[in-house]
Protein backbone atom coordinates (compact mmCIF):
# COMPACT_ATOMS: atom_id res chain seq x y z
CA MET A 1 -0.01 -0.07 0.08
CA THR A 2 1.53 3.29 -1.40
CA ARG A 3 1.19 6.11 1.20
CA ARG A 4 1.09 9.79 0.08
CA TYR A 5 0.68 11.39 3.53
CA PHE A 6 1.02 9.11 6.27
CA GLY A 7 4.17 8.09 7.81
CA THR A 8 4.99 5.97 10.64
CA ASP A 9 3.73 9.04 13.02
CA GLY A 10 1.44 10.38 11.05
CA ILE A 11 1.88 13.47 8.64
CA ARG A 12 5.03 15.95 9.36
CA GLY A 13 6.80 18.60 7.53
CA THR A 14 7.66 22.09 7.46
CA VAL A 15 5.11 24.53 8.16
CA GLY A 16 3.84 26.34 4.72
CA GLN A 17 5.19 23.25 2.37
CA PRO A 18 2.55 21.09 1.29
CA PRO A 19 1.38 18.93 2.91
CA ILE A 20 1.58 21.07 6.03
CA THR A 21 -0.57 23.87 5.23
CA ALA A 22 -3.90 25.67 6.36
CA ASP A 23 -6.01 24.70 3.17
CA PHE A 24 -4.74 20.89 3.46
CA MET A 25 -5.51 20.83 7.19
CA LEU A 26 -9.39 22.11 6.19
CA LYS A 27 -9.39 19.12 3.77
CA LEU A 28 -7.76 16.45 6.32
CA GLY A 29 -10.22 17.24 8.61
CA TRP A 30 -13.32 17.11 6.29
CA ALA A 31 -11.81 13.83 5.21
CA THR A 32 -11.65 12.21 8.78
CA GLY A 33 -15.01 13.22 9.45
CA ARG A 34 -16.35 11.81 6.47
CA VAL A 35 -14.45 8.61 6.86
CA LEU A 36 -15.96 8.29 10.55
CA ALA A 37 -19.60 9.29 9.35
CA GLU A 38 -19.13 6.39 6.85
CA THR A 39 -18.69 3.74 9.65
CA ASN A 40 -21.92 4.75 11.36
CA SER A 41 -24.23 7.16 9.67
CA LYS A 42 -26.93 6.82 12.11
CA ARG A 43 -25.07 8.88 15.10
CA ARG A 44 -23.39 12.08 15.74
CA HIS A 45 -19.67 11.83 15.98
CA ARG A 46 -17.24 13.68 18.26
CA VAL A 47 -13.36 13.82 17.90
CA LEU A 48 -10.90 15.46 20.25
CA ILE A 49 -8.10 18.00 19.13
CA GLY A 50 -4.87 18.51 21.39
CA LYS A 51 -1.77 20.39 20.29
CA ASP A 52 1.58 21.07 21.53
CA THR A 53 3.35 24.78 21.77
CA ARG A 54 4.20 25.45 18.53
CA ILE A 55 2.60 28.78 16.90
CA SER A 56 1.32 27.32 13.99
CA GLY A 57 -0.80 24.92 16.41
CA TYR A 58 -3.68 27.81 16.33
CA MET A 59 -3.68 27.75 12.70
CA PHE A 60 -4.25 24.03 11.95
CA GLU A 61 -6.39 23.70 14.92
CA SER A 62 -8.94 25.85 13.61
CA ALA A 63 -8.63 24.60 10.06
CA LEU A 64 -9.18 20.71 11.39
CA GLU A 65 -11.99 21.97 13.47
CA ALA A 66 -13.40 23.86 10.12
CA GLY A 67 -13.34 20.83 8.24
CA LEU A 68 -14.67 18.30 10.77
CA SER A 69 -17.64 20.55 11.14
CA ALA A 70 -18.50 20.70 7.75
CA ALA A 71 -18.30 16.92 7.85
CA GLY A 72 -20.94 17.31 10.56
CA VAL A 73 -18.94 15.78 13.33
CA ASP A 74 -18.69 17.83 16.84
CA VAL A 75 -15.35 18.61 18.02
CA ALA A 76 -13.89 19.22 21.67
CA LEU A 77 -10.74 21.24 22.13
CA LEU A 78 -8.13 20.05 24.73
CA GLY A 79 -5.51 22.82 23.86
CA PRO A 80 -2.11 22.17 24.63
CA MET A 81 -1.73 18.68 25.99
CA PRO A 82 0.93 16.14 25.57
CA THR A 83 0.35 13.58 22.97
CA PRO A 84 -0.45 10.44 25.41
CA GLY A 85 -2.66 12.71 27.43
CA ILE A 86 -4.85 13.25 24.06
CA ALA A 87 -4.68 9.16 23.97
CA TYR A 88 -5.99 8.88 27.44
CA LEU A 89 -8.64 11.52 26.73
CA THR A 90 -9.84 10.23 23.49
CA ARG A 91 -10.62 6.75 25.24
CA THR A 92 -12.34 7.92 28.61
CA PHE A 93 -14.52 10.21 26.64
CA ARG A 94 -15.35 7.40 24.29
CA ALA A 95 -14.73 9.98 21.41
CA ASP A 96 -14.43 8.44 17.68
CA ALA A 97 -10.89 9.88 17.45
CA GLY A 98 -8.44 11.97 18.82
CA ILE A 99 -6.05 14.53 16.81
CA VAL A 100 -2.64 15.45 17.85
CA ILE A 101 -1.06 18.75 16.29
CA SER A 102 2.61 18.30 16.86
CA ALA A 103 5.86 17.40 15.43
CA SER A 104 6.94 16.19 18.37
CA HIS A 105 10.93 16.79 19.21
CA ASN A 106 11.31 18.40 15.93
CA PRO A 107 11.83 22.41 16.07
CA PHE A 108 9.04 24.90 16.10
CA ALA A 109 9.19 25.49 12.09
CA ASP A 110 7.51 21.89 11.76
CA ASN A 111 4.40 20.29 12.50
CA GLY A 112 2.42 17.46 11.92
CA ILE A 113 -0.77 15.35 12.67
CA LYS A 114 -1.42 12.09 14.10
CA PHE A 115 -4.56 10.43 15.26
CA PHE A 116 -5.61 7.96 17.86
CA SER A 117 -8.84 5.53 17.76
CA THR A 118 -11.38 5.51 20.25
CA GLU A 119 -9.22 2.82 22.08
CA GLY A 120 -6.58 5.37 22.40
CA VAL A 121 -4.07 3.84 19.97
CA LYS A 122 -2.65 4.66 16.46
CA LEU A 123 -5.19 4.41 13.60
CA ALA A 124 -4.92 1.25 11.57
CA ASP A 125 -3.25 1.54 8.78
CA GLU A 126 -6.71 0.72 6.59
CA VAL A 127 -8.49 3.75 8.30
CA GLU A 128 -5.73 5.97 7.21
CA ALA A 129 -5.80 4.76 3.76
CA ARG A 130 -9.72 5.50 3.50
CA ILE A 131 -8.79 9.03 4.71
CA GLU A 132 -6.32 9.24 2.25
CA ALA A 133 -8.85 8.25 -0.55
CA MET A 134 -11.11 10.58 0.58
CA LEU A 135 -8.72 13.84 0.13
CA ASP A 136 -9.30 13.07 -3.83
CA GLU A 137 -13.21 13.66 -3.18
CA PRO A 138 -14.32 17.24 -3.30
CA LEU A 139 -15.17 19.04 -0.12
CA THR A 140 -18.84 19.31 0.55
CA THR A 141 -20.49 20.87 3.58
CA VAL A 142 -23.44 18.94 5.65
CA ALA A 143 -26.58 20.85 5.83
CA ALA A 144 -26.68 23.77 8.13
CA ASP A 145 -28.71 21.84 10.95
CA ARG A 146 -26.10 18.96 10.87
CA LEU A 147 -23.02 21.13 11.25
CA GLY A 148 -20.74 19.97 13.80
CA LYS A 149 -20.43 21.67 17.01
CA VAL A 150 -17.39 23.05 18.90
CA ALA A 151 -16.70 23.18 22.94
CA ARG A 152 -13.29 23.18 24.88
CA ILE A 153 -12.99 20.69 27.54
CA ASP A 154 -11.83 23.06 30.39
CA ASP A 155 -10.73 20.64 32.68
CA ALA A 156 -8.76 18.37 30.45
CA ALA A 157 -5.19 19.13 32.18
CA GLY A 158 -6.72 18.14 35.60
CA ARG A 159 -8.14 14.79 34.32
CA TYR A 160 -4.71 14.09 32.80
CA ILE A 161 -2.79 15.26 35.91
CA GLU A 162 -4.84 12.51 38.02
CA PHE A 163 -4.22 9.74 35.25
CA CYS A 164 -0.77 10.40 35.42
CA LYS A 165 -0.75 10.39 39.35
CA SER A 166 -2.90 7.27 39.52
CA THR A 167 -0.12 5.05 37.61
CA ILE A 168 2.17 4.41 40.54
CA PRO A 169 0.41 3.48 44.03
CA ASP A 170 -1.40 5.32 46.40
CA ARG A 171 1.39 4.58 48.84
CA VAL A 172 4.26 5.73 46.98
CA SER A 173 5.19 9.13 47.52
CA LEU A 174 8.19 11.21 46.31
CA ARG A 175 8.45 13.21 49.38
CA GLY A 176 11.88 14.09 49.87
CA LEU A 177 13.14 13.65 46.27
CA ARG A 178 14.75 16.61 44.47
CA VAL A 179 13.77 16.84 40.97
CA VAL A 180 14.63 18.91 37.80
CA LEU A 181 12.04 18.76 35.08
CA ASP A 182 12.57 19.89 31.59
CA CYS A 183 9.76 20.21 29.80
CA ALA A 184 11.18 21.45 26.37
CA HIS A 185 9.03 24.43 26.51
CA GLY A 186 6.48 22.16 25.17
CA ALA A 187 3.25 20.34 25.83
CA THR A 188 4.27 18.86 29.34
CA TYR A 189 4.82 22.38 30.88
CA HIS A 190 1.48 22.89 32.75
CA ILE A 191 1.33 19.25 33.47
CA ALA A 192 4.21 17.54 34.59
CA PRO A 193 5.17 20.08 37.66
CA SER A 194 1.75 19.50 38.80
CA VAL A 195 1.85 15.88 38.65
CA PHE A 196 5.45 15.58 40.41
CA ARG A 197 4.80 18.14 42.84
CA GLU A 198 1.34 16.56 43.89
CA LEU A 199 2.99 13.45 44.47
CA GLY A 200 5.37 15.45 47.06
CA ALA A 201 8.69 15.97 45.29
CA GLU A 202 10.52 18.98 45.51
CA VAL A 203 10.52 20.37 41.97
CA SER A 204 12.49 23.05 39.76
CA LEU A 205 11.91 23.68 36.33
CA ILE A 206 13.64 24.55 33.09
CA GLY A 207 12.11 24.64 29.37
CA ALA A 208 8.75 25.67 31.31
CA SER A 209 7.96 28.90 29.31
CA PRO A 210 6.87 28.30 26.00
CA ASP A 211 6.46 30.98 23.33
CA GLY A 212 5.27 29.41 20.18
CA LEU A 213 8.71 29.43 18.82
CA ASN A 214 11.02 27.58 21.60
CA ILE A 215 9.89 24.35 21.88
CA ASN A 216 12.39 21.94 21.85
CA LYS A 217 15.29 24.89 21.52
CA GLU A 218 18.49 23.66 23.34
CA VAL A 219 16.43 21.90 25.62
CA GLY A 220 14.27 18.82 26.44
CA SER A 221 15.12 15.30 25.70
CA THR A 222 16.76 15.74 22.47
CA HIS A 223 18.97 18.58 24.25
CA PRO A 224 19.90 16.99 27.53
CA ALA A 225 23.22 19.36 28.49
CA ALA A 226 20.73 22.11 29.86
CA LEU A 227 19.38 19.46 32.40
CA ARG A 228 22.61 17.96 33.46
CA ALA A 229 23.57 21.21 34.42
CA ALA A 230 20.94 22.16 36.50
CA VAL A 231 20.93 18.80 38.08
CA ILE A 232 24.74 19.28 39.22
CA GLN A 233 24.35 22.83 40.22
CA GLN A 234 21.10 22.07 42.40
CA GLY A 235 22.53 19.04 43.90
CA ALA A 236 18.99 17.32 42.72
CA ASP A 237 18.55 13.83 43.08
CA LEU A 238 17.79 13.42 39.22
CA GLY A 239 16.41 15.22 36.46
CA VAL A 240 13.63 14.62 33.81
CA ALA A 241 13.50 15.60 30.54
CA PHE A 242 10.69 15.30 27.71
CA ASP A 243 10.33 16.07 24.14
CA GLY A 244 7.87 18.54 22.93
CA ASP A 245 5.08 16.54 22.81
CA GLY A 246 5.67 14.40 26.05
CA ASP A 247 5.53 10.93 24.49
CA ARG A 248 9.47 10.79 25.44
CA VAL A 249 11.81 10.93 28.57
CA LEU A 250 15.11 10.91 29.30
CA LEU A 251 16.78 10.87 32.79
CA VAL A 252 19.57 12.20 34.40
CA ASP A 253 21.12 10.88 37.54
CA ALA A 254 22.67 13.18 40.58
CA ASP A 255 26.08 13.02 38.83
CA GLY A 256 24.65 13.93 35.56
CA ARG A 257 24.67 10.74 33.94
CA GLU A 258 22.04 10.41 31.09
CA ILE A 259 19.68 7.23 31.70
CA ASP A 260 18.35 6.59 28.27
CA GLY A 261 15.18 4.33 26.94
CA ASP A 262 17.13 1.33 27.41
CA ASP A 263 18.21 2.19 30.92
CA ILE A 264 14.49 2.79 31.76
CA LEU A 265 13.21 -0.19 30.08
CA TYR A 266 15.64 -2.51 31.97
CA LEU A 267 14.47 -0.73 35.15
CA ILE A 268 10.82 -1.09 34.66
CA ALA A 269 11.34 -4.80 33.45
CA ARG A 270 13.76 -5.81 36.12
CA ASP A 271 11.05 -4.15 38.68
CA ARG A 272 7.73 -5.91 37.35
CA HIS A 273 9.63 -9.10 36.52
CA GLY A 274 10.80 -9.42 40.02
CA ARG A 275 7.36 -9.07 41.57
CA GLY A 276 5.89 -11.17 38.88
CA GLU A 277 3.78 -8.61 37.13
CA LEU A 278 5.88 -8.21 33.72
CA GLY A 279 3.34 -10.06 31.87
CA GLY A 280 5.70 -11.88 29.14
CA GLY A 281 8.60 -10.54 27.65
CA VAL A 282 9.73 -6.89 26.32
CA VAL A 283 10.11 -5.61 22.74
CA GLY A 284 12.74 -3.08 21.85
CA THR A 285 14.17 -1.87 18.47
CA LEU A 286 17.04 -2.66 16.24
CA MET A 287 18.78 0.38 17.99
CA SER A 288 18.35 -1.49 21.45
CA ASN A 289 21.90 -1.82 23.07
CA PHE A 290 23.47 -5.15 23.11
CA GLY A 291 23.50 -4.57 26.97
CA LEU A 292 19.92 -4.55 27.14
CA ALA A 293 19.46 -7.88 25.30
CA ALA A 294 22.20 -9.58 27.08
CA ALA A 295 20.58 -8.45 30.72
CA PHE A 296 17.18 -9.62 29.75
CA GLU A 297 18.75 -12.90 28.39
CA ALA A 298 20.19 -13.27 32.18
CA MET A 299 17.06 -12.65 34.07
CA GLY A 300 15.29 -15.19 31.46
CA VAL A 301 13.07 -12.57 30.04
CA PRO A 302 12.24 -12.73 26.62
CA PHE A 303 13.40 -9.93 24.44
CA GLU A 304 12.40 -9.21 20.57
CA ARG A 305 13.70 -6.64 18.55
CA ALA A 306 11.02 -4.30 16.46
CA ARG A 307 11.65 -1.92 13.60
CA VAL A 308 12.41 1.70 14.82
CA GLY A 309 9.01 3.52 15.69
CA ASP A 310 6.81 3.24 18.08
CA ARG A 311 4.22 1.98 15.82
CA TYR A 312 6.46 -1.30 15.31
CA VAL A 313 6.85 -1.70 18.89
CA MET A 314 3.02 -1.42 19.54
CA GLU A 315 2.75 -4.16 16.57
CA ARG A 316 5.08 -6.61 18.56
CA LEU A 317 3.67 -5.98 21.86
CA ALA A 318 0.23 -6.75 20.56
CA ALA A 319 1.03 -9.83 18.32
CA ASN A 320 2.86 -11.32 21.72
CA GLY A 321 0.53 -10.39 24.32
CA TRP A 322 3.13 -8.70 26.09
CA GLN A 323 2.98 -4.85 28.01
CA LEU A 324 6.43 -3.20 27.71
CA GLY A 325 8.53 -2.10 24.98
CA GLY A 326 10.48 0.78 24.03
CA GLU A 327 12.89 2.74 22.26
CA SER A 328 16.39 4.12 23.14
CA SER A 329 15.19 7.37 22.34
CA GLY A 330 12.73 7.27 25.38
CA HIS A 331 9.64 6.35 24.30
CA ILE A 332 8.24 3.82 26.54
CA VAL A 333 4.79 1.64 26.29
CA CYS A 334 4.00 0.77 29.94
CA GLY A 335 1.17 -1.36 28.23
CA HIS A 336 -0.06 -2.35 32.02
CA VAL A 337 -1.12 1.45 32.61
CA GLN A 338 -1.37 3.28 29.39
CA THR A 339 -2.01 2.64 25.71
CA THR A 340 1.04 4.69 24.19
CA GLY A 341 3.91 6.04 25.02
CA ASP A 342 3.94 8.52 27.93
CA GLY A 343 6.99 10.27 29.21
CA ILE A 344 5.59 11.82 32.61
CA VAL A 345 3.93 7.92 33.17
CA SER A 346 7.35 6.45 32.28
CA ALA A 347 9.32 8.54 34.46
CA LEU A 348 6.89 8.02 37.46
CA GLN A 349 7.50 4.28 37.19
CA VAL A 350 10.88 4.70 37.52
CA LEU A 351 10.63 7.11 40.54
CA ALA A 352 8.40 4.80 42.11
CA ILE A 353 11.17 1.96 41.86
CA MET A 354 13.64 4.10 43.51
CA VAL A 355 11.27 4.94 46.28
CA ARG A 356 10.27 1.26 46.97
CA GLU A 357 14.18 -0.04 46.82
CA GLU A 358 15.46 2.90 48.28
CA LYS A 359 18.29 3.27 45.77
CA PRO A 360 19.78 5.72 43.37
CA LEU A 361 19.74 5.21 39.86
CA GLN A 362 22.95 3.90 39.32
CA ARG A 363 22.78 1.33 41.83
CA LEU A 364 19.89 0.29 40.31
CA LEU A 365 21.05 -0.12 37.14
CA ALA A 366 24.10 -2.06 38.11
CA GLY A 367 22.65 -5.21 36.58
CA MET A 368 23.08 -4.24 33.03
CA GLU A 369 26.58 -3.21 31.46
CA LYS A 370 25.68 -1.16 28.09
CA ALA A 371 27.90 -1.68 24.85
CA PRO A 372 29.52 1.47 23.45
CA GLN A 373 27.43 2.72 20.55
CA SER A 374 27.88 5.93 18.81
CA LEU A 375 24.85 7.28 16.67
CA VAL A 376 25.71 10.28 14.00
CA ASN A 377 22.65 11.95 12.31
CA VAL A 378 23.63 13.16 8.51
CA ARG A 379 21.03 15.69 7.03
CA LEU A 380 19.75 14.76 3.62
CA THR A 381 20.09 17.56 1.03
CA PRO A 382 17.31 19.33 -0.69
CA GLY A 383 15.91 16.73 -3.26
CA SER A 384 17.82 13.78 -2.05
CA ASP A 385 16.41 10.43 -1.18
CA ALA A 386 17.49 8.50 2.08
CA ARG A 387 16.80 4.97 0.67
CA ALA A 388 18.38 5.88 -2.83
CA VAL A 389 21.58 6.80 -1.05
CA MET A 390 21.61 3.58 1.18
CA GLU A 391 21.27 1.52 -1.83
CA MET A 392 24.68 3.07 -3.29
CA PRO A 393 27.53 0.49 -4.34
CA ALA A 394 29.79 3.04 -2.47
CA LEU A 395 28.05 3.13 0.94
CA LYS A 396 27.39 -0.68 1.09
CA ASP A 397 30.88 -1.25 0.60
CA ALA A 398 32.05 1.26 3.31
CA VAL A 399 29.72 -0.74 5.66
CA ALA A 400 31.08 -3.73 4.63
CA GLU A 401 34.74 -2.56 5.64
CA VAL A 402 33.32 -1.57 9.00
CA GLU A 403 31.46 -4.80 9.75
CA THR A 404 34.40 -6.63 8.68
CA GLU A 405 36.46 -4.60 11.26
CA LEU A 406 34.25 -5.18 14.32
CA GLY A 407 33.55 -9.01 13.35
CA ASP A 408 31.23 -10.62 15.64
CA GLU A 409 32.04 -7.78 18.43
CA GLY A 410 30.03 -5.17 16.94
CA ARG A 411 27.35 -4.24 14.49
CA VAL A 412 26.25 -1.37 12.04
CA LEU A 413 22.84 -0.19 11.54
CA LEU A 414 21.88 2.66 8.68
CA ARG A 415 18.42 4.10 8.65
CA PRO A 416 16.39 6.89 7.44
CA SER A 417 14.85 8.61 9.89
CA GLY A 418 10.72 8.42 10.06
CA THR A 419 10.27 11.63 10.93
CA GLU A 420 12.93 14.08 10.05
CA PRO A 421 15.17 14.33 6.67
CA LEU A 422 18.02 12.54 8.19
CA ILE A 423 19.99 9.31 7.73
CA ARG A 424 20.90 7.94 11.20
CA VAL A 425 24.52 6.10 11.12
CA MET A 426 24.71 3.82 14.38
CA VAL A 427 27.73 1.88 15.18
CA GLU A 428 27.66 -0.50 18.43
CA GLY A 429 30.70 -2.77 19.99
CA ARG A 430 32.64 -3.96 22.65
CA ALA A 431 34.68 -1.54 24.74
CA HIS A 432 38.08 -1.88 23.10
CA LEU A 433 36.70 -0.91 19.41
CA ASP A 434 36.47 2.95 18.22
CA VAL A 435 32.69 2.99 17.60
CA ASP A 436 32.91 6.93 17.64
CA GLY A 437 35.39 6.73 14.99
CA LEU A 438 33.75 4.17 12.65
CA ALA A 439 30.35 6.08 12.73
CA ARG A 440 32.31 9.53 12.05
CA ARG A 441 33.96 7.57 9.06
CA LEU A 442 30.67 5.97 7.47
CA ALA A 443 28.74 9.45 8.35
CA GLY A 444 31.49 10.88 6.16
CA GLU A 445 30.90 8.49 3.16
CA VAL A 446 27.14 9.38 3.58
CA GLU A 447 28.02 13.16 3.41
CA ALA A 448 30.31 12.70 0.54
CA LEU A 449 27.59 10.84 -1.73
CA LEU A 450 24.89 13.83 -1.08
CA ALA A 451 27.21 16.31 -1.73
């Protein structure tokens, strides 16, 4: 099935460039409404819309709202809301769908759209295909007495805050923990502080003053240097960094060391396995560290690698009937409490473990020894095709040379990003290998082919 607009994580691109334009969003809202109406034409339908803090979110919110109304679908506006919060509220309001206006960890000049079904999970491929097909039809407007109505859910933030708090036991208090939160000037800025403070933590903030233009700018889970500095300067017990839409999380321990998605996945899995609550195995991705797989093998926990992307992690979790999975980037699915990746919820699971075991992060991670891993992102030149570049004989030869040097002590992974115009070059290997140098060498080969 050829997709024109939908990628692995919805529709995303630069604002003002097709399809991230106001007219397209109007038509997309209408097409979505029409597809919902075809599913059941005997009742009114309702769609929730939430967004992150990008300035373009206002424009696209209005366009989607107009298109849905023209199709006869009622709209409930959530305002700024983390992506997992929109999934949760879509489910609890029994809405027909939820729409997220966000480009996640990308800069403010980008934006995008992704959908949740009434169950709070990503839309099925066949539904996305029907929406794409409907985009080719002429936009028509229902009779005036059937136009969709629009309302705002004023207590949306409070509802999601209470949900987040409910994902750890009532007896667990964060009192006595000093936590620095980095909200990436994004959708968690008015949610995360309340969650952690109400659970008893002493909270200080960075990246919590969005202005529409500063989302993810030198803060957040993709720029952890600011959080490391704040944790060390303030003598905090740990730091928590979210990305712009709040579905990813990265932690920093008291000494400023980064705790990535593999570490978080290990901590949650070890804890739930030890208490007999894991519910099967764990799904990682092709990027998951050797050390994570080895730790799970030592624990007797089944581990499976999916393609990179939360959609593929969710697919493997569903296929296996498992609950826990995630990516090195910090997108963690705690299926026992949430239907999608949730940065706040994932961080709370780790803090609850720290409280129960009365241990700092580094001591809790003693059972996992990660292999050195180097990741270099190479930005594509305008008009270049990532997959075509990766098929070039010169690059294949360069990869083969590096794989020969690594032998059975390492691996190479090249892949196009599903969310940005990048080719990601990853080299992983034993401690005595120069994985940084090898990754830079391959990245140089990619850059030369793009020149």
